[in-house]
Every structure is written in C-alpha cells, then in structure tokens.
Amino acid sequence: MPNIKSAKKRVLVNDKKTEQNKAIRSAVRTEIKKLELLIKENKLDEAKAALPGAFAIIDSACSKNIIHANNAANKKAKLAKKIDAAINSVPSTAEQPAPVVNAEPAEETAPATPVVEEAPAKKTRKPRAKKADTEKAE
C-alpha cells in the first residue's frame, strides 16, 4: 500500500477508471451479443435497425481508448458482414423470377474446336567464355 498521499490518490483514481472502462467494454460485448441473437432468431429488420446503435457504442469505446481503432473496425465489419450474409441467405418471394413456360428449345450447335497455340521457342543463351579461355587467347 502506498504511503504518499498522491500515490494513494492514484490508486483510487485507477480503480475508478478501471471500473468505468470495464462497464464500457461490457456494454460493447452486450450490444454485439444482442445483434447476434437477433440474427440467430431471424429478426433481420430489427438487427439492421439496431446496427447503427451498436456502431455508436463501439465508436464511443474506441474514442475513449478503451479498445483499439483496428479492433473497433474489425468488430463493426464482422457485424455488418453477418447481417448482410443473413439477409442475402434468406430467399425473398418478391425477388424470385417467374418460371418460364412454353420455352422453345435452343438450336443445337456443334461444339467449337479448341484452338491450340504453340508455345514460343525457348531462347538459348550463348555460352560465356571462361576466364581461363580469355587469358589463353591473349
């Protein structure tokens, strides 16, 4: 335990800030869990509506240096990706095309013969004269 008055105050202030940071971190986790639960229960409209609120809480924690900026961006991207994946995986009856009735068969065409290109000839290098050969020539 510290003996100096300023050190005692630092301990008290640090404990208080730790509790505040813990509460904010917990709020971020709670908000993420709420969104994931909405996605799991297939309440996609509610999840999409709650997404800006979750982003605000994550951004608030980031601005207070409780979580790192990259961590905040990663959390936001994961949430958005989960909601988009859930929305795109649910087939909508209004967006499905009508079935084609009385379609005429397409004309049969002969398969095209594949064009085979010849590989270019490999370039060969001239052999270099060795140092011993050049000394003999002189």
C-alpha atoms as a PDB file:
ATOM      1  CA  MET A   1       0.000   0.000   0.000  1.00  0.00           C
ATOM      2  CA  PRO A   2       1.372   3.431  -0.912  1.00  0.00           C
ATOM      3  CA  ASN A   3       2.399   5.814   1.845  1.00  0.00           C
ATOM      4  CA  ILE A   4       2.474   9.086  -0.074  1.00  0.00           C
ATOM      5  CA  LYS A   5      -0.803  10.986  -0.431  1.00  0.00           C
ATOM      6  CA  SER A   6      -0.538  11.447  -4.225  1.00  0.00           C
ATOM      7  CA  ALA A   7       0.207   7.724  -4.688  1.00  0.00           C
ATOM      8  CA  LYS A   8      -2.854   6.854  -2.591  1.00  0.00           C
ATOM      9  CA  LYS A   9      -4.960   9.110  -4.807  1.00  0.00           C
ATOM     10  CA  ARG A  10      -3.541   7.480  -7.943  1.00  0.00           C
ATOM     11  CA  VAL A  11      -4.637   4.053  -6.660  1.00  0.00           C
ATOM     12  CA  LEU A  12      -8.171   5.322  -6.037  1.00  0.00           C
ATOM     13  CA  VAL A  13      -8.394   7.066  -9.428  1.00  0.00           C
ATOM     14  CA  ASN A  14      -7.025   4.000 -11.235  1.00  0.00           C
ATOM     15  CA  ASP A  15      -9.577   1.738  -9.547  1.00  0.00           C
ATOM     16  CA  LYS A  16     -12.388   4.107 -10.512  1.00  0.00           C
ATOM     17  CA  LYS A  17     -11.236   4.342 -14.158  1.00  0.00           C
ATOM     18  CA  THR A  18     -10.819   0.553 -14.330  1.00  0.00           C
ATOM     19  CA  GLU A  19     -14.453   0.095 -13.291  1.00  0.00           C
ATOM     20  CA  GLN A  20     -15.622   2.671 -15.849  1.00  0.00           C
ATOM     21  CA  ASN A  21     -13.603   1.013 -18.633  1.00  0.00           C
ATOM     22  CA  LYS A  22     -14.915  -2.401 -17.627  1.00  0.00           C
ATOM     23  CA  ALA A  23     -18.510  -1.122 -17.870  1.00  0.00           C
ATOM     24  CA  ILE A  24     -17.938   0.327 -21.338  1.00  0.00           C
ATOM     25  CA  ARG A  25     -16.210  -2.852 -22.562  1.00  0.00           C
ATOM     26  CA  SER A  26     -19.120  -4.876 -21.178  1.00  0.00           C
ATOM     27  CA  ALA A  27     -21.623  -2.631 -22.988  1.00  0.00           C
ATOM     28  CA  VAL A  28     -19.804  -3.268 -26.281  1.00  0.00           C
ATOM     29  CA  ARG A  29     -19.925  -7.037 -25.745  1.00  0.00           C
ATOM     30  CA  THR A  30     -23.595  -6.906 -24.726  1.00  0.00           C
ATOM     31  CA  GLU A  31     -24.538  -4.936 -27.828  1.00  0.00           C
ATOM     32  CA  ILE A  32     -22.709  -7.415 -30.070  1.00  0.00           C
ATOM     33  CA  LYS A  33     -24.457 -10.348 -28.372  1.00  0.00           C
ATOM     34  CA  LYS A  34     -27.859  -8.656 -28.829  1.00  0.00           C
ATOM     35  CA  LEU A  35     -27.243  -8.253 -32.566  1.00  0.00           C
ATOM     36  CA  GLU A  36     -26.029 -11.834 -32.934  1.00  0.00           C
ATOM     37  CA  LEU A  37     -29.143 -13.056 -31.099  1.00  0.00           C
ATOM     38  CA  LEU A  38     -31.392 -11.048 -33.435  1.00  0.00           C
ATOM     39  CA  ILE A  39     -29.609 -12.571 -36.429  1.00  0.00           C
ATOM     40  CA  LYS A  40     -29.923 -16.061 -34.962  1.00  0.00           C
ATOM     41  CA  GLU A  41     -33.659 -15.550 -34.365  1.00  0.00           C
ATOM     42  CA  ASN A  42     -34.019 -14.328 -37.981  1.00  0.00           C
ATOM     43  CA  LYS A  43     -35.198 -10.846 -36.930  1.00  0.00           C
ATOM     44  CA  LEU A  44     -33.154  -9.262 -39.680  1.00  0.00           C
ATOM     45  CA  ASP A  45     -35.089  -5.989 -39.912  1.00  0.00           C
ATOM     46  CA  GLU A  46     -34.609  -5.359 -36.190  1.00  0.00           C
ATOM     47  CA  ALA A  47     -30.932  -6.318 -36.443  1.00  0.00           C
ATOM     48  CA  LYS A  48     -30.406  -3.936 -39.349  1.00  0.00           C
ATOM     49  CA  ALA A  49     -32.139  -1.163 -37.382  1.00  0.00           C
ATOM     50  CA  ALA A  50     -30.003  -1.850 -34.272  1.00  0.00           C
ATOM     51  CA  LEU A  51     -26.728  -1.844 -36.214  1.00  0.00           C
ATOM     52  CA  PRO A  52     -26.116   1.959 -36.077  1.00  0.00           C
ATOM     53  CA  GLY A  53     -26.610   1.894 -32.297  1.00  0.00           C
ATOM     54  CA  ALA A  54     -24.027  -0.861 -31.941  1.00  0.00           C
ATOM     55  CA  PHE A  55     -21.632   1.043 -34.186  1.00  0.00           C
ATOM     56  CA  ALA A  56     -22.072   4.148 -31.988  1.00  0.00           C
ATOM     57  CA  ILE A  57     -21.224   2.206 -28.812  1.00  0.00           C
ATOM     58  CA  ILE A  58     -18.164   0.619 -30.464  1.00  0.00           C
ATOM     59  CA  ASP A  59     -17.007   4.010 -31.800  1.00  0.00           C
ATOM     60  CA  SER A  60     -17.514   5.550 -28.352  1.00  0.00           C
ATOM     61  CA  ALA A  61     -15.308   2.885 -26.739  1.00  0.00           C
ATOM     62  CA  CYS A  62     -12.721   3.470 -29.460  1.00  0.00           C
ATOM     63  CA  SER A  63     -12.689   7.240 -28.974  1.00  0.00           C
ATOM     64  CA  LYS A  64     -12.128   6.751 -25.228  1.00  0.00           C
ATOM     65  CA  ASN A  65      -9.139   4.485 -25.981  1.00  0.00           C
ATOM     66  CA  ILE A  66     -10.800   1.515 -24.307  1.00  0.00           C
ATOM     67  CA  ILE A  67     -10.486  -0.575 -27.460  1.00  0.00           C
ATOM     68  CA  HIS A  68      -8.035  -0.026 -30.292  1.00  0.00           C
ATOM     69  CA  ALA A  69      -9.225   1.582 -33.531  1.00  0.00           C
ATOM     70  CA  ASN A  70      -8.411  -1.535 -35.553  1.00  0.00           C
ATOM     71  CA  ASN A  71     -10.280  -3.687 -33.035  1.00  0.00           C
ATOM     72  CA  ALA A  72     -13.322  -1.409 -33.344  1.00  0.00           C
ATOM     73  CA  ALA A  73     -13.182  -1.524 -37.142  1.00  0.00           C
ATOM     74  CA  ASN A  74     -12.869  -5.299 -37.040  1.00  0.00           C
ATOM     75  CA  LYS A  75     -15.903  -5.654 -34.738  1.00  0.00           C
ATOM     76  CA  LYS A  76     -18.006  -3.352 -36.931  1.00  0.00           C
ATOM     77  CA  ALA A  77     -17.001  -5.146 -40.126  1.00  0.00           C
ATOM     78  CA  LYS A  78     -17.832  -8.558 -38.660  1.00  0.00           C
ATOM     79  CA  LEU A  79     -21.268  -7.401 -37.518  1.00  0.00           C
ATOM     80  CA  ALA A  80     -22.086  -5.827 -40.873  1.00  0.00           C
ATOM     81  CA  LYS A  81     -20.874  -8.923 -42.702  1.00  0.00           C
ATOM     82  CA  LYS A  82     -23.009 -11.229 -40.520  1.00  0.00           C
ATOM     83  CA  ILE A  83     -26.135  -9.157 -41.119  1.00  0.00           C
ATOM     84  CA  ASP A  84     -25.502  -8.934 -44.874  1.00  0.00           C
ATOM     85  CA  ALA A  85     -24.890 -12.682 -45.080  1.00  0.00           C
ATOM     86  CA  ALA A  86     -28.087 -13.391 -43.151  1.00  0.00           C
ATOM     87  CA  ILE A  87     -30.136 -11.040 -45.327  1.00  0.00           C
ATOM     88  CA  ASN A  88     -28.715 -12.446 -48.568  1.00  0.00           C
ATOM     89  CA  SER A  89     -29.206 -16.066 -47.465  1.00  0.00           C
ATOM     90  CA  VAL A  90     -32.950 -15.652 -46.885  1.00  0.00           C
ATOM     91  CA  PRO A  91     -34.765 -16.038 -50.219  1.00  0.00           C
ATOM     92  CA  SER A  92     -37.387 -13.394 -50.840  1.00  0.00           C
ATOM     93  CA  THR A  93     -40.553 -14.375 -52.728  1.00  0.00           C
ATOM     94  CA  ALA A  94     -40.844 -10.967 -54.412  1.00  0.00           C
ATOM     95  CA  GLU A  95     -37.357 -11.159 -55.926  1.00  0.00           C
ATOM     96  CA  GLN A  96     -37.669 -14.638 -57.439  1.00  0.00           C
ATOM     97  CA  PRO A  97     -38.200 -14.673 -61.201  1.00  0.00           C
ATOM     98  CA  ALA A  98     -41.353 -16.257 -62.576  1.00  0.00           C
ATOM     99  CA  PRO A  99     -40.916 -19.772 -64.016  1.00  0.00           C
ATOM    100  CA  VAL A 100     -40.544 -19.899 -67.798  1.00  0.00           C
ATOM    101  CA  VAL A 101     -43.439 -21.655 -69.533  1.00  0.00           C
ATOM    102  CA  ASN A 102     -43.532 -22.786 -73.210  1.00  0.00           C
ATOM    103  CA  ALA A 103     -39.892 -22.068 -73.790  1.00  0.00           C
ATOM    104  CA  GLU A 104     -38.666 -23.191 -77.194  1.00  0.00           C
ATOM    105  CA  PRO A 105     -35.575 -25.402 -77.156  1.00  0.00           C
ATOM    106  CA  ALA A 106     -32.384 -23.703 -78.224  1.00  0.00           C
ATOM    107  CA  GLU A 107     -30.779 -24.739 -81.519  1.00  0.00           C
ATOM    108  CA  GLU A 108     -28.136 -27.413 -81.247  1.00  0.00           C
ATOM    109  CA  THR A 109     -24.730 -26.213 -82.405  1.00  0.00           C
ATOM    110  CA  ALA A 110     -21.622 -28.239 -82.943  1.00  0.00           C
ATOM    111  CA  PRO A 111     -19.036 -27.787 -80.225  1.00  0.00           C
ATOM    112  CA  ALA A 112     -16.279 -25.431 -81.240  1.00  0.00           C
ATOM    113  CA  THR A 113     -12.865 -26.991 -81.718  1.00  0.00           C
ATOM    114  CA  PRO A 114     -10.380 -25.622 -79.231  1.00  0.00           C
ATOM    115  CA  VAL A 115      -7.597 -23.512 -80.681  1.00  0.00           C
ATOM    116  CA  VAL A 116      -4.201 -24.782 -79.586  1.00  0.00           C
ATOM    117  CA  GLU A 117      -1.472 -22.189 -79.608  1.00  0.00           C
ATOM    118  CA  GLU A 118       2.094 -23.277 -79.947  1.00  0.00           C
ATOM    119  CA  ALA A 119       4.413 -22.317 -77.147  1.00  0.00           C
ATOM    120  CA  PRO A 120       7.136 -19.873 -78.211  1.00  0.00           C
ATOM    121  CA  ALA A 121      10.548 -21.402 -78.728  1.00  0.00           C
ATOM    122  CA  LYS A 122      12.809 -21.177 -75.726  1.00  0.00           C
ATOM    123  CA  LYS A 123      15.553 -18.627 -76.087  1.00  0.00           C
ATOM    124  CA  THR A 124      19.027 -20.060 -75.718  1.00  0.00           C
ATOM    125  CA  ARG A 125      21.975 -18.150 -74.381  1.00  0.00           C
ATOM    126  CA  LYS A 126      25.374 -18.102 -75.917  1.00  0.00           C
ATOM    127  CA  PRO A 127      27.824 -19.867 -73.628  1.00  0.00           C
ATOM    128  CA  ARG A 128      30.091 -17.386 -71.883  1.00  0.00           C
ATOM    129  CA  ALA A 129      33.766 -17.651 -72.334  1.00  0.00           C
ATOM    130  CA  LYS A 130      35.533 -18.709 -69.177  1.00  0.00           C
ATOM    131  CA  LYS A 131      38.169 -16.502 -67.677  1.00  0.00           C
ATOM    132  CA  ALA A 132      40.888 -19.073 -68.371  1.00  0.00           C
ATOM    133  CA  ASP A 133      39.916 -19.209 -72.080  1.00  0.00           C
ATOM    134  CA  THR A 134      40.157 -15.448 -72.476  1.00  0.00           C
ATOM    135  CA  GLU A 135      43.627 -15.348 -70.921  1.00  0.00           C
ATOM    136  CA  LYS A 136      44.876 -18.031 -73.379  1.00  0.00           C
ATOM    137  CA  ALA A 137      43.514 -16.095 -76.360  1.00  0.00           C
ATOM    138  CA  GLU A 138      45.570 -13.037 -75.493  1.00  0.00           C
END
